[in-house]
Amino acid sequence: MNTDPFPPAEDASSKASLDGSLRGAACVLSEPQDDQRQDDQPEGAQSQATHWHHLLLWGLGLALLAYMVVLPIVSLLLDCQTSQPLVRELEEMTLAESIRIRAMQALTGLWFITLGGTIGSFLNVVAYRMPRGESVIFRPSRCPKCESRILGQDNIPIVGWLRLKGRCRVCHAPISSRYPIVESIAAGIFFLFFLVQLITGGANIPLRTPPAYAGIVWIIFYTKWEHVALYLYHCLLASTLLTWALIDIDRQRITQLAKWVTGLMLVLPAVLWPKLLPVPWWQWPTRSASLDWTQAAATCLLGGSSGLVLGYMIAKLLPSRRLTSNDQPNESTANVHLASGMGCVGMVVGWQATFAIALIMLVFRLLAGVVARWSGRVIAPPTTWLLVAFVGHHLICKWTTESLTWWPGPTAHGIVWIVAAASLVLLVLINHLVVTDQPSRVEVSDGPMMNVE
């Protein structure tokens, strides 16, 4: 057996050709090594740049920590060692103290934006998996194409999608822009409620007097748990409506179990802590009443029942949204979900606000329907406009109650409700005649979102 790596050369010409082949092979083998060294150099530079970025971020974080925490502690210790008068005049804040307060406000607002984005990321998962019977907790996030697990650094709301440029890290499949859009919407809602409701001490809540001291320091750092709980309670309702709107956009069905669980999640906190319901169930209160758990339960029951009935009546008169042949349900799911969504709204904000929100929803839907008919596009399902109406009404609820005597609210009289009921019927009829809910072309993607144009 010949064990030589190459056969022996027979003459000089073959030997010369063999030597040339060996030199050519050596050149070919040496080229990838040079390329590898060239590729290694940018990676090293990139890792060094990343290292400096981390050092810079850590440095900024430590500087903020020292300025906002260490310096006040040192100043307090120095003041304790020196004798101070018992009565001190209130002094104006220095420039450094103003910068410190504003820095805390900015960081606190950023924290609530991050909280909303994180909740929005979870709502994307719920809206996609729950109608399909998949677990929303125990199954980690995966790419819908290659089924590879999403890394933690890629699962940061909004930022992760931007870093990946909308593509999977492994298979480079496109990731729907729905994910950052929903996360941005949730972050915006949480931040709006933070500005308008939380740090103002509930200045937008009717029948309530805001506290004398408001702001981030007096509401959050000297925590007023009543205001924090009310803020989270309303954010829970907004998150529920956002999830149901996403499910309707996907033309999926919300299970009865999910509806019952959502109802319990909205009723139990109000029964355990009746202060979450500032407007009682009776119609003309002169001030915010202190409810016990039985009155809170009655307020939730009446508000939820009125919302269900009102939503069911509106859904029956609105045009039904026919489903394509690929969809399993054989009836309109969007209008059915509208009744459940309005029931949830009634349980949280009361039957009075539910009526006003229904009016706003029909106005928004009518305007969107006119634009959709002019542009040839499909209007969003009713639960989408219910979310928009709830957020808009929540921001100006107290102003409409105190300034607009003709607006249906907790202090409105009988003639106002008669006119409002007539306006509601008229808006429903106009929506039925003007707004169409039939898509001209439907494209179902493999992702969690149906692309409708």
Protein backbone atom coordinates (compact mmCIF):
# COMPACT_ATOMS: atom_id res chain seq x y z
CA MET A 1 0.00 0.00 0.00
CA ASN A 2 1.35 3.35 -0.95
CA THR A 3 1.39 5.62 2.10
CA ASP A 4 2.99 8.63 0.41
CA PRO A 5 0.79 11.65 0.26
CA PHE A 6 1.60 12.16 -3.37
CA PRO A 7 2.74 9.66 -6.07
CA PRO A 8 6.45 9.76 -7.10
CA ALA A 9 7.39 12.07 -9.97
CA GLU A 10 8.43 10.34 -13.18
CA ASP A 11 10.35 13.17 -14.81
CA ALA A 12 11.47 16.75 -14.32
CA SER A 13 8.44 18.25 -15.98
CA SER A 14 6.02 16.41 -13.77
CA LYS A 15 8.14 17.34 -10.76
CA ALA A 16 8.05 20.97 -11.74
CA SER A 17 4.30 20.85 -12.19
CA LEU A 18 3.96 19.14 -8.83
CA ASP A 19 6.02 21.85 -7.15
CA GLY A 20 3.85 24.50 -8.78
CA SER A 21 0.72 22.77 -7.58
CA LEU A 22 2.05 22.60 -4.04
CA ARG A 23 2.93 26.29 -4.07
CA GLY A 24 -0.53 27.12 -5.42
CA ALA A 25 -2.16 24.99 -2.74
CA ALA A 26 -0.05 26.70 -0.10
CA CYS A 27 -1.18 30.09 -1.39
CA VAL A 28 -4.80 28.98 -1.38
CA LEU A 29 -4.53 27.65 2.17
CA SER A 30 -2.84 30.79 3.37
CA GLU A 31 -5.56 33.14 2.02
CA PRO A 32 -8.30 32.22 4.51
CA GLN A 33 -5.86 32.72 7.37
CA ASP A 34 -5.14 36.24 6.15
CA ASP A 35 -8.85 36.89 5.77
CA GLN A 36 -9.43 35.49 9.22
CA ARG A 37 -6.84 37.83 10.67
CA GLN A 38 -8.50 40.71 8.86
CA ASP A 39 -11.90 39.69 10.20
CA ASP A 40 -10.56 39.32 13.71
CA GLN A 41 -9.32 42.87 13.76
CA PRO A 42 -12.75 44.55 13.38
CA GLU A 43 -14.23 42.16 15.95
CA GLY A 44 -11.56 43.13 18.43
CA ALA A 45 -12.14 46.78 17.71
CA GLN A 46 -15.87 46.26 18.02
CA SER A 47 -15.53 44.46 21.34
CA GLN A 48 -13.25 47.24 22.58
CA ALA A 49 -15.80 49.85 21.51
CA THR A 50 -18.54 47.89 23.27
CA HIS A 51 -16.34 47.74 26.36
CA TRP A 52 -15.95 51.52 26.34
CA HIS A 53 -19.70 51.93 25.86
CA HIS A 54 -20.35 49.83 28.94
CA LEU A 55 -17.84 51.81 30.93
CA LEU A 56 -19.44 55.06 29.82
CA LEU A 57 -22.93 53.87 30.80
CA TRP A 58 -21.69 52.66 34.18
CA GLY A 59 -19.93 55.97 34.72
CA LEU A 60 -23.04 57.98 33.95
CA GLY A 61 -25.13 55.77 36.20
CA LEU A 62 -22.71 56.10 39.11
CA ALA A 63 -22.51 59.86 38.60
CA LEU A 64 -26.33 60.16 38.75
CA LEU A 65 -26.42 57.92 41.81
CA ALA A 66 -23.80 60.02 43.56
CA TYR A 67 -25.54 63.27 42.69
CA MET A 68 -29.06 62.20 43.64
CA VAL A 69 -28.32 59.93 46.62
CA VAL A 70 -24.82 60.36 48.04
CA LEU A 71 -24.72 64.16 48.05
CA PRO A 72 -28.09 64.58 49.84
CA ILE A 73 -27.01 62.04 52.50
CA VAL A 74 -23.71 63.84 53.08
CA SER A 75 -25.53 67.18 53.25
CA LEU A 76 -27.99 65.75 55.78
CA LEU A 77 -25.17 64.42 57.97
CA LEU A 78 -23.40 67.76 57.91
CA ASP A 79 -26.60 69.59 58.86
CA CYS A 80 -27.14 67.22 61.77
CA GLN A 81 -23.72 68.02 63.22
CA THR A 82 -24.32 71.75 63.21
CA SER A 83 -26.90 73.45 65.42
CA GLN A 84 -29.98 74.50 63.49
CA PRO A 85 -32.81 76.78 64.63
CA LEU A 86 -36.13 75.16 65.44
CA VAL A 87 -37.99 77.30 62.91
CA ARG A 88 -36.51 77.80 59.47
CA GLU A 89 -37.78 79.94 56.68
CA LEU A 90 -38.73 78.24 53.46
CA GLU A 91 -35.98 78.99 51.02
CA GLU A 92 -35.94 78.87 47.26
CA MET A 93 -34.30 75.84 45.73
CA THR A 94 -30.81 76.26 44.44
CA LEU A 95 -29.85 75.46 40.88
CA ALA A 96 -28.35 72.12 41.92
CA GLU A 97 -31.52 71.17 43.81
CA SER A 98 -33.68 72.09 40.82
CA ILE A 99 -31.51 69.97 38.54
CA ARG A 100 -31.75 67.10 40.99
CA ILE A 101 -35.56 67.29 41.15
CA ARG A 102 -35.86 67.46 37.38
CA ALA A 103 -33.50 64.53 36.98
CA MET A 104 -35.67 62.48 39.34
CA GLN A 105 -38.77 63.46 37.37
CA ALA A 106 -37.18 62.44 34.09
CA LEU A 107 -35.94 59.10 35.42
CA THR A 108 -39.28 58.35 37.07
CA GLY A 109 -41.15 59.12 33.86
CA LEU A 110 -38.71 56.93 31.94
CA TRP A 111 -39.36 54.12 34.42
CA PHE A 112 -43.11 54.28 33.82
CA ILE A 113 -42.54 54.37 30.05
CA THR A 114 -40.43 51.24 30.41
CA LEU A 115 -43.15 49.63 32.52
CA GLY A 116 -45.75 50.35 29.85
CA GLY A 117 -43.50 49.02 27.08
CA THR A 118 -42.89 45.83 29.04
CA ILE A 119 -46.62 45.35 29.60
CA GLY A 120 -47.20 45.98 25.90
CA SER A 121 -44.66 43.29 25.00
CA PHE A 122 -46.54 40.84 27.21
CA LEU A 123 -49.87 41.86 25.67
CA ASN A 124 -48.49 40.99 22.24
CA VAL A 125 -47.86 37.47 23.53
CA VAL A 126 -51.29 37.22 25.14
CA ALA A 127 -53.11 38.41 22.02
CA TYR A 128 -51.27 35.90 19.85
CA ARG A 129 -51.28 32.82 22.09
CA MET A 130 -54.47 32.99 24.13
CA PRO A 131 -56.93 32.47 21.22
CA ARG A 132 -54.77 29.55 20.05
CA GLY A 133 -54.83 27.86 23.44
CA GLU A 134 -51.08 28.28 24.04
CA SER A 135 -49.45 29.10 27.35
CA VAL A 136 -48.66 32.78 27.89
CA ILE A 137 -46.37 32.23 30.89
CA PHE A 138 -44.44 28.98 30.75
CA ARG A 139 -43.42 29.04 27.09
CA PRO A 140 -40.50 31.39 26.33
CA SER A 141 -40.59 33.78 23.40
CA ARG A 142 -39.51 32.20 20.12
CA CYS A 143 -39.17 33.18 16.50
CA PRO A 144 -42.33 32.14 14.60
CA LYS A 145 -40.20 30.99 11.65
CA CYS A 146 -37.20 29.05 12.96
CA GLU A 147 -38.55 28.47 16.52
CA SER A 148 -35.25 29.71 18.01
CA ARG A 149 -35.51 31.22 21.46
CA ILE A 150 -35.39 35.02 21.69
CA LEU A 151 -32.42 36.22 23.71
CA GLY A 152 -32.96 38.49 26.67
CA GLN A 153 -31.05 41.34 25.05
CA ASP A 154 -33.28 41.07 21.98
CA ASN A 155 -36.48 40.99 24.04
CA ILE A 156 -36.17 44.56 25.34
CA PRO A 157 -39.33 46.46 24.34
CA ILE A 158 -38.92 48.64 21.24
CA VAL A 159 -35.12 48.71 21.57
CA GLY A 160 -34.70 45.00 20.78
CA TRP A 161 -36.66 45.28 17.54
CA LEU A 162 -34.69 48.37 16.48
CA ARG A 163 -31.35 46.73 17.25
CA LEU A 164 -32.25 43.71 15.13
CA LYS A 165 -33.62 45.98 12.39
CA GLY A 166 -36.86 44.03 12.41
CA ARG A 167 -35.30 40.63 11.67
CA CYS A 168 -34.61 37.44 13.60
CA ARG A 169 -31.04 37.12 14.83
CA VAL A 170 -30.80 33.45 13.73
CA CYS A 171 -32.79 33.05 10.51
CA HIS A 172 -33.06 36.76 9.56
CA ALA A 173 -36.78 36.36 8.94
CA PRO A 174 -38.71 39.65 9.11
CA ILE A 175 -40.39 40.39 12.43
CA SER A 176 -43.72 42.21 12.23
CA SER A 177 -43.62 45.91 13.08
CA ARG A 178 -46.70 45.28 15.18
CA TYR A 179 -44.49 44.41 18.15
CA PRO A 180 -42.83 47.83 18.60
CA ILE A 181 -46.05 49.62 17.63
CA VAL A 182 -48.06 47.90 20.38
CA GLU A 183 -45.24 48.40 22.88
CA SER A 184 -45.13 52.11 22.00
CA ILE A 185 -48.91 52.43 22.39
CA ALA A 186 -48.84 50.77 25.82
CA ALA A 187 -45.87 52.90 26.89
CA GLY A 188 -47.69 56.04 25.72
CA ILE A 189 -50.85 55.14 27.65
CA PHE A 190 -48.94 54.45 30.85
CA PHE A 191 -47.01 57.70 30.48
CA LEU A 192 -50.15 59.75 29.75
CA PHE A 193 -51.90 58.36 32.82
CA PHE A 194 -48.72 59.01 34.79
CA LEU A 195 -48.70 62.69 33.80
CA VAL A 196 -52.43 63.40 33.98
CA GLN A 197 -53.54 61.20 36.87
CA LEU A 198 -50.74 59.88 39.05
CA ILE A 199 -48.44 62.81 39.78
CA THR A 200 -51.37 65.25 39.88
CA GLY A 201 -53.04 63.26 42.65
CA GLY A 202 -56.03 62.30 40.50
CA ALA A 203 -56.78 65.77 39.11
CA ASN A 204 -58.67 64.15 36.21
CA ILE A 205 -60.93 62.03 38.44
CA PRO A 206 -64.41 63.55 38.96
CA LEU A 207 -65.89 64.20 42.39
CA ARG A 208 -62.45 64.19 44.01
CA THR A 209 -60.31 66.98 45.42
CA PRO A 210 -56.61 66.60 44.57
CA PRO A 211 -54.20 66.69 47.51
CA ALA A 212 -52.57 69.96 48.48
CA TYR A 213 -49.13 68.53 47.77
CA ALA A 214 -48.73 66.72 44.47
CA GLY A 215 -45.87 65.85 42.17
CA ILE A 216 -43.39 63.03 42.02
CA VAL A 217 -41.93 63.64 45.47
CA TRP A 218 -45.23 63.80 47.35
CA ILE A 219 -47.12 61.12 45.40
CA ILE A 220 -44.43 58.54 44.57
CA PHE A 221 -41.50 58.95 46.95
CA TYR A 222 -43.83 59.79 49.88
CA THR A 223 -46.03 57.08 48.47
CA LYS A 224 -49.76 57.76 48.38
CA TRP A 225 -50.93 54.21 47.81
CA GLU A 226 -54.49 55.24 47.04
CA HIS A 227 -53.38 57.22 43.99
CA VAL A 228 -50.89 54.56 42.88
CA ALA A 229 -53.52 51.82 43.14
CA LEU A 230 -56.07 53.89 41.20
CA TYR A 231 -53.48 54.54 38.48
CA LEU A 232 -52.64 50.84 38.15
CA TYR A 233 -56.35 49.94 38.17
CA HIS A 234 -57.06 52.19 35.21
CA CYS A 235 -53.92 50.96 33.42
CA LEU A 236 -55.24 47.42 33.88
CA LEU A 237 -58.45 48.36 32.09
CA ALA A 238 -56.54 50.05 29.26
CA SER A 239 -54.31 46.97 28.90
CA THR A 240 -57.39 44.74 28.71
CA LEU A 241 -58.97 46.84 25.99
CA LEU A 242 -55.69 46.93 24.05
CA THR A 243 -55.43 43.14 24.18
CA TRP A 244 -58.98 42.65 22.99
CA ALA A 245 -58.45 45.14 20.15
CA LEU A 246 -55.40 43.15 19.00
CA ILE A 247 -57.38 39.92 19.08
CA ASP A 248 -60.12 41.54 17.01
CA ILE A 249 -57.57 42.80 14.49
CA ASP A 250 -56.33 39.22 14.16
CA ARG A 251 -59.98 38.10 13.81
CA GLN A 252 -59.69 35.61 16.61
CA ARG A 253 -62.14 34.80 19.36
CA ILE A 254 -61.84 35.60 23.06
CA THR A 255 -62.75 32.55 25.09
CA GLN A 256 -65.45 32.67 27.73
CA LEU A 257 -62.92 31.66 30.37
CA ALA A 258 -60.77 34.66 29.50
CA LYS A 259 -63.78 36.95 29.82
CA TRP A 260 -64.69 35.60 33.25
CA VAL A 261 -61.10 35.83 34.49
CA THR A 262 -60.87 39.42 33.24
CA GLY A 263 -64.12 40.30 35.00
CA LEU A 264 -62.84 38.89 38.29
CA MET A 265 -59.56 40.79 37.88
CA LEU A 266 -61.52 44.03 37.57
CA VAL A 267 -64.15 43.39 40.26
CA LEU A 268 -62.08 41.91 43.11
CA PRO A 269 -59.72 44.91 43.58
CA ALA A 270 -62.69 47.30 43.75
CA VAL A 271 -64.52 45.12 46.28
CA LEU A 272 -61.41 44.71 48.44
CA TRP A 273 -60.54 48.43 48.19
CA PRO A 274 -63.70 50.48 47.45
CA LYS A 275 -61.66 53.69 47.07
CA LEU A 276 -60.86 52.50 43.56
CA LEU A 277 -64.43 53.54 42.63
CA PRO A 278 -64.60 57.32 43.16
CA VAL A 279 -68.04 57.62 41.48
CA PRO A 280 -70.82 55.65 43.24
CA TRP A 281 -73.68 53.94 41.46
CA TRP A 282 -76.33 56.53 42.36
CA GLN A 283 -76.73 59.31 39.87
CA TRP A 284 -76.38 62.71 41.51
CA PRO A 285 -73.78 62.62 44.28
CA THR A 286 -72.62 65.96 45.64
CA ARG A 287 -69.15 64.66 46.49
CA SER A 288 -67.09 61.52 46.40
CA ALA A 289 -68.71 59.11 48.81
CA SER A 290 -66.96 56.51 50.97
CA LEU A 291 -68.24 53.15 49.80
CA ASP A 292 -68.18 49.89 51.70
CA TRP A 293 -67.58 46.60 49.96
CA THR A 294 -71.28 45.93 49.35
CA GLN A 295 -71.79 49.33 47.69
CA ALA A 296 -68.62 48.80 45.66
CA ALA A 297 -69.91 45.42 44.48
CA ALA A 298 -73.26 46.98 43.57
CA THR A 299 -71.50 49.78 41.66
CA CYS A 300 -69.44 47.26 39.68
CA LEU A 301 -72.49 45.08 39.01
CA LEU A 302 -74.64 47.97 37.80
CA GLY A 303 -71.82 49.46 35.72
CA GLY A 304 -70.90 46.14 34.15
CA SER A 305 -74.53 45.25 33.37
CA SER A 306 -75.24 48.63 31.80
CA GLY A 307 -72.07 48.37 29.72
CA LEU A 308 -73.00 44.89 28.51
CA VAL A 309 -76.52 45.92 27.54
CA LEU A 310 -75.41 49.13 25.85
CA GLY A 311 -72.58 47.39 24.03
CA TYR A 312 -74.87 44.58 22.88
CA MET A 313 -77.41 47.04 21.49
CA ILE A 314 -74.72 48.99 19.63
CA ALA A 315 -73.14 45.79 18.32
CA LYS A 316 -76.47 44.59 16.92
CA LEU A 317 -76.99 47.81 14.98
CA LEU A 318 -73.43 48.17 13.70
CA PRO A 319 -72.51 46.42 10.45
CA SER A 320 -71.23 42.90 11.05
CA ARG A 321 -67.71 42.05 10.08
CA ARG A 322 -67.81 38.95 7.89
CA LEU A 323 -64.93 36.59 8.32
CA THR A 324 -62.97 34.93 5.58
CA SER A 325 -63.20 31.26 4.79
CA ASN A 326 -59.90 30.64 6.60
CA ASP A 327 -61.36 31.81 9.90
CA GLN A 328 -62.97 29.25 12.15
CA PRO A 329 -65.71 31.43 13.71
CA ASN A 330 -68.79 31.82 11.54
CA GLU A 331 -70.07 35.04 13.05
CA SER A 332 -68.84 38.51 13.82
CA THR A 333 -66.43 38.40 16.74
CA ALA A 334 -65.59 42.10 16.81
CA ASN A 335 -69.13 43.22 17.67
CA VAL A 336 -69.49 40.45 20.25
CA HIS A 337 -66.29 41.56 21.95
CA LEU A 338 -67.54 45.16 21.98
CA ALA A 339 -70.27 44.24 24.46
CA SER A 340 -67.77 42.52 26.76
CA GLY A 341 -65.35 45.43 26.49
CA MET A 342 -68.00 47.96 27.43
CA GLY A 343 -68.97 45.75 30.34
CA CYS A 344 -65.39 45.96 31.59
CA VAL A 345 -65.44 49.74 31.18
CA GLY A 346 -68.67 49.97 33.16
CA MET A 347 -67.25 47.92 36.05
CA VAL A 348 -64.26 50.26 36.42
CA VAL A 349 -65.51 53.78 35.67
CA GLY A 350 -69.25 53.39 36.34
CA TRP A 351 -72.34 53.42 34.18
CA GLN A 352 -72.33 57.21 33.81
CA ALA A 353 -68.91 57.32 32.17
CA THR A 354 -69.73 54.26 30.06
CA PHE A 355 -72.50 56.17 28.34
CA ALA A 356 -70.18 59.09 27.58
CA ILE A 357 -67.43 56.76 26.32
CA ALA A 358 -69.92 55.08 23.97
CA LEU A 359 -70.76 58.47 22.43
CA ILE A 360 -67.08 59.30 21.94
CA MET A 361 -66.42 55.86 20.45
CA LEU A 362 -69.19 56.26 17.87
CA VAL A 363 -67.92 59.71 16.87
CA PHE A 364 -64.36 58.43 16.40
CA ARG A 365 -65.58 55.40 14.48
CA LEU A 366 -67.71 57.56 12.20
CA LEU A 367 -64.79 59.86 11.38
CA ALA A 368 -62.49 56.90 10.79
CA GLY A 369 -65.13 55.28 8.59
CA VAL A 370 -65.39 58.37 6.40
CA VAL A 371 -61.61 58.47 6.00
CA ALA A 372 -61.49 54.73 5.31
CA ARG A 373 -64.17 54.97 2.62
CA TRP A 374 -62.35 57.87 0.97
CA SER A 375 -58.96 56.10 1.04
CA GLY A 376 -60.28 52.62 0.23
CA ARG A 377 -58.95 51.03 3.41
CA VAL A 378 -60.61 48.95 6.12
CA ILE A 379 -61.68 50.51 9.38
CA ALA A 380 -60.38 49.06 12.63
CA PRO A 381 -62.76 46.93 14.76
CA PRO A 382 -65.03 48.63 17.33
CA THR A 383 -62.88 47.59 20.31
CA THR A 384 -60.05 49.71 18.91
CA TRP A 385 -62.21 52.81 19.04
CA LEU A 386 -63.46 51.79 22.48
CA LEU A 387 -59.85 51.92 23.69
CA VAL A 388 -59.31 55.32 22.06
CA ALA A 389 -62.55 56.65 23.57
CA PHE A 390 -61.71 55.39 27.04
CA VAL A 391 -58.23 56.94 27.04
CA GLY A 392 -59.50 60.24 25.65
CA HIS A 393 -62.41 60.44 28.08
CA HIS A 394 -60.20 59.49 31.01
CA LEU A 395 -57.89 62.42 30.38
CA ILE A 396 -60.70 65.02 30.40
CA CYS A 397 -63.28 63.30 32.60
CA LYS A 398 -63.26 65.84 35.41
CA TRP A 399 -63.28 68.79 33.03
CA THR A 400 -66.35 67.50 31.20
CA THR A 401 -68.12 66.82 34.50
CA GLU A 402 -67.50 70.24 36.02
CA SER A 403 -67.47 72.51 32.96
CA LEU A 404 -69.97 70.99 30.51
CA THR A 405 -73.44 70.95 32.03
CA TRP A 406 -74.88 69.33 28.88
CA TRP A 407 -72.45 66.39 28.96
CA PRO A 408 -73.62 63.04 30.43
CA GLY A 409 -71.76 62.47 33.68
CA PRO A 410 -72.19 61.88 37.42
CA THR A 411 -73.81 65.31 37.99
CA ALA A 412 -76.00 65.42 34.87
CA HIS A 413 -79.78 65.72 35.16
CA GLY A 414 -82.58 63.82 33.47
CA ILE A 415 -82.98 66.01 30.38
CA VAL A 416 -79.26 65.59 29.64
CA TRP A 417 -79.61 61.81 29.64
CA ILE A 418 -82.62 61.94 27.32
CA VAL A 419 -80.73 64.08 24.81
CA ALA A 420 -77.67 61.84 25.16
CA ALA A 421 -79.74 58.71 24.50
CA ALA A 422 -81.23 60.27 21.39
CA SER A 423 -77.76 61.30 20.21
CA LEU A 424 -76.50 57.78 20.80
CA VAL A 425 -79.24 56.25 18.64
CA LEU A 426 -78.61 58.80 15.91
CA LEU A 427 -74.86 58.11 15.89
CA VAL A 428 -75.45 54.37 15.69
CA LEU A 429 -77.76 54.79 12.70
CA ILE A 430 -75.28 57.07 10.91
CA ASN A 431 -72.49 54.57 11.58
CA HIS A 432 -74.65 51.82 10.16
CA LEU A 433 -75.30 53.76 6.96
CA VAL A 434 -71.90 55.34 6.39
CA VAL A 435 -69.30 52.98 7.81
CA THR A 436 -68.58 49.71 6.07
CA ASP A 437 -66.62 46.97 7.75
CA GLN A 438 -66.01 44.72 4.75
CA PRO A 439 -62.40 44.30 3.64
CA SER A 440 -61.67 44.55 -0.06
CA ARG A 441 -58.66 42.28 0.20
CA VAL A 442 -57.40 40.22 3.12
CA GLU A 443 -53.91 38.83 3.41
CA VAL A 444 -53.10 36.51 6.27
CA SER A 445 -49.45 36.43 7.24
CA ASP A 446 -47.62 33.72 9.13
CA GLY A 447 -46.99 36.13 11.99
CA PRO A 448 -49.33 37.20 14.75
CA MET A 449 -50.92 39.99 12.74
CA MET A 450 -53.31 39.99 9.82
CA ASN A 451 -52.28 42.49 7.20
CA VAL A 452 -55.40 44.21 5.90
CA GLU A 453 -55.19 46.87 3.24
